[in-house]
Amino acid sequence: MTSPKNAKHSVSVPLTLRAAVLLAARVFPNRAVEEQAAWRRVVDLADAHFLATGQMHLWDGWSVLALTDQVRITRMLRQRPAVLAHHSVFVAETAAVLDSGEAVEFAPADGKEQVLGALGFGSS
């Protein structure tokens, strides 16, 4: 198990974060303001974190989610370091991924605890 102190040193932390953000973009609504939604994809980190907590029994949408998306989420959860279940660690590690300078599928957004993705990000 990875502790919060050395979570940034775990290879699975950034990969799991990236998967959680991509999955949130796919299964939750676009959080962009209505007039920007056609050209901007915004993901709340709260949505991505929710997926990383594994509390699917609290989500009414789980039972109607496509089986392929359910499988993707459960696969991400099998690889998820337990430390990412903590919201503050999830947000801090997401910031570290963005600050790393590595190419990722998302970028910081204007809103607090939100990220931007390219068009098609999260589409079926």
Protein backbone atom coordinates (compact mmCIF):
# COMPACT_ATOMS: atom_id res chain seq x y z
CA MET A 1 0.00 0.00 0.00
CA THR A 2 1.18 3.50 -0.79
CA SER A 3 1.09 6.14 1.92
CA PRO A 4 0.12 9.76 1.15
CA LYS A 5 3.71 10.78 1.83
CA ASN A 6 5.13 8.66 -0.99
CA ALA A 7 2.08 8.44 -3.27
CA LYS A 8 3.81 10.61 -5.86
CA HIS A 9 6.46 7.91 -6.20
CA SER A 10 3.99 5.21 -7.16
CA VAL A 11 3.65 4.46 -10.87
CA SER A 12 0.02 3.44 -10.44
CA VAL A 13 -1.08 6.77 -8.91
CA PRO A 14 -0.78 8.92 -12.07
CA LEU A 15 -2.11 6.14 -14.28
CA THR A 16 -5.12 5.61 -12.05
CA LEU A 17 -5.76 9.37 -11.88
CA ARG A 18 -5.70 9.62 -15.64
CA ALA A 19 -8.06 6.67 -15.97
CA ALA A 20 -10.46 8.13 -13.39
CA VAL A 21 -10.56 11.49 -15.19
CA LEU A 22 -11.12 9.86 -18.58
CA LEU A 23 -13.85 7.63 -17.18
CA ALA A 24 -15.54 10.57 -15.45
CA ALA A 25 -15.52 12.46 -18.74
CA ARG A 26 -17.16 9.47 -20.37
CA VAL A 27 -19.88 8.66 -17.84
CA PHE A 28 -20.75 12.02 -16.25
CA PRO A 29 -22.18 15.11 -17.97
CA ASN A 30 -19.91 17.79 -19.39
CA ARG A 31 -19.49 20.42 -16.64
CA ALA A 32 -18.77 23.26 -19.08
CA VAL A 33 -21.16 26.18 -19.07
CA GLU A 34 -23.91 25.70 -21.63
CA GLU A 35 -22.61 28.20 -24.18
CA GLN A 36 -19.17 26.50 -24.16
CA ALA A 37 -20.27 22.87 -23.99
CA ALA A 38 -20.15 22.39 -27.77
CA TRP A 39 -16.41 23.09 -27.91
CA ARG A 40 -15.18 22.56 -24.36
CA ARG A 41 -15.15 19.45 -22.18
CA VAL A 42 -14.92 20.14 -18.44
CA VAL A 43 -14.58 17.40 -15.85
CA ASP A 44 -15.06 18.00 -12.14
CA LEU A 45 -12.40 16.27 -10.09
CA ALA A 46 -15.22 15.42 -7.66
CA ASP A 47 -16.71 13.19 -10.39
CA ALA A 48 -13.37 11.50 -11.07
CA HIS A 49 -12.72 11.12 -7.35
CA PHE A 50 -16.15 9.58 -6.84
CA LEU A 51 -15.25 6.86 -9.34
CA ALA A 52 -11.93 6.32 -7.54
CA THR A 53 -13.74 5.78 -4.23
CA GLY A 54 -15.50 2.71 -5.58
CA GLN A 55 -18.81 3.60 -3.95
CA MET A 56 -20.92 2.62 -6.94
CA HIS A 57 -23.78 1.56 -4.65
CA LEU A 58 -24.35 5.30 -3.99
CA TRP A 59 -24.78 6.14 -7.68
CA ASP A 60 -28.19 5.71 -9.32
CA GLY A 61 -26.53 5.77 -12.74
CA TRP A 62 -24.41 2.66 -12.11
CA SER A 63 -27.18 0.19 -12.91
CA VAL A 64 -27.97 1.84 -16.26
CA LEU A 65 -24.34 2.30 -17.26
CA ALA A 66 -23.19 0.30 -20.27
CA LEU A 67 -21.53 -2.97 -19.27
CA THR A 68 -18.31 -1.94 -21.04
CA ASP A 69 -18.13 1.20 -18.88
CA GLN A 70 -18.84 -0.79 -15.71
CA VAL A 71 -15.97 -3.11 -16.62
CA ARG A 72 -13.64 -0.17 -17.32
CA ILE A 73 -14.44 1.37 -13.94
CA THR A 74 -13.99 -1.89 -12.02
CA ARG A 75 -10.66 -2.50 -13.78
CA MET A 76 -9.51 0.97 -12.77
CA LEU A 77 -10.58 0.25 -9.19
CA ARG A 78 -8.60 -3.00 -9.11
CA GLN A 79 -5.44 -1.02 -9.87
CA ARG A 80 -6.26 2.00 -7.71
CA PRO A 81 -3.91 2.67 -4.81
CA ALA A 82 -6.09 3.05 -1.70
CA VAL A 83 -4.58 6.48 -0.98
CA LEU A 84 -6.53 7.92 -3.94
CA ALA A 85 -9.80 7.31 -2.09
CA HIS A 86 -8.95 10.44 -0.05
CA HIS A 87 -10.23 13.55 -1.82
CA SER A 88 -7.37 15.83 -0.79
CA VAL A 89 -4.77 13.30 -1.96
CA PHE A 90 -6.65 12.80 -5.24
CA VAL A 91 -6.69 16.56 -5.93
CA ALA A 92 -3.05 17.04 -4.88
CA GLU A 93 -1.86 14.15 -7.03
CA THR A 94 -3.88 15.45 -9.99
CA ALA A 95 -2.12 18.80 -9.61
CA ALA A 96 1.22 16.97 -9.48
CA VAL A 97 0.39 15.13 -12.72
CA LEU A 98 -0.51 18.43 -14.39
CA ASP A 99 2.64 20.12 -13.05
CA SER A 100 4.90 17.29 -14.16
CA GLY A 101 5.10 18.58 -17.71
CA GLU A 102 4.28 15.15 -19.12
CA ALA A 103 1.67 14.91 -21.84
CA VAL A 104 -1.69 13.96 -20.37
CA GLU A 105 -5.22 13.83 -21.69
CA PHE A 106 -6.36 16.88 -19.73
CA ALA A 107 -5.28 20.36 -18.65
CA PRO A 108 -6.15 22.73 -15.81
CA ALA A 109 -9.52 24.44 -16.19
CA ASP A 110 -10.72 27.84 -15.02
CA GLY A 111 -12.84 26.36 -12.23
CA LYS A 112 -11.39 25.10 -8.98
CA GLU A 113 -10.90 21.33 -9.02
CA GLN A 114 -11.79 21.00 -12.70
CA VAL A 115 -9.85 19.88 -15.75
CA LEU A 116 -10.26 20.43 -19.48
CA GLY A 117 -10.08 17.81 -22.16
CA ALA A 118 -9.91 17.88 -25.93
CA LEU A 119 -13.01 17.56 -28.10
CA GLY A 120 -14.17 13.98 -28.17
CA PHE A 121 -12.82 13.53 -24.63
CA GLY A 122 -15.16 11.12 -22.95
CA SER A 123 -17.43 10.57 -25.93
CA SER A 124 -18.81 7.14 -26.64
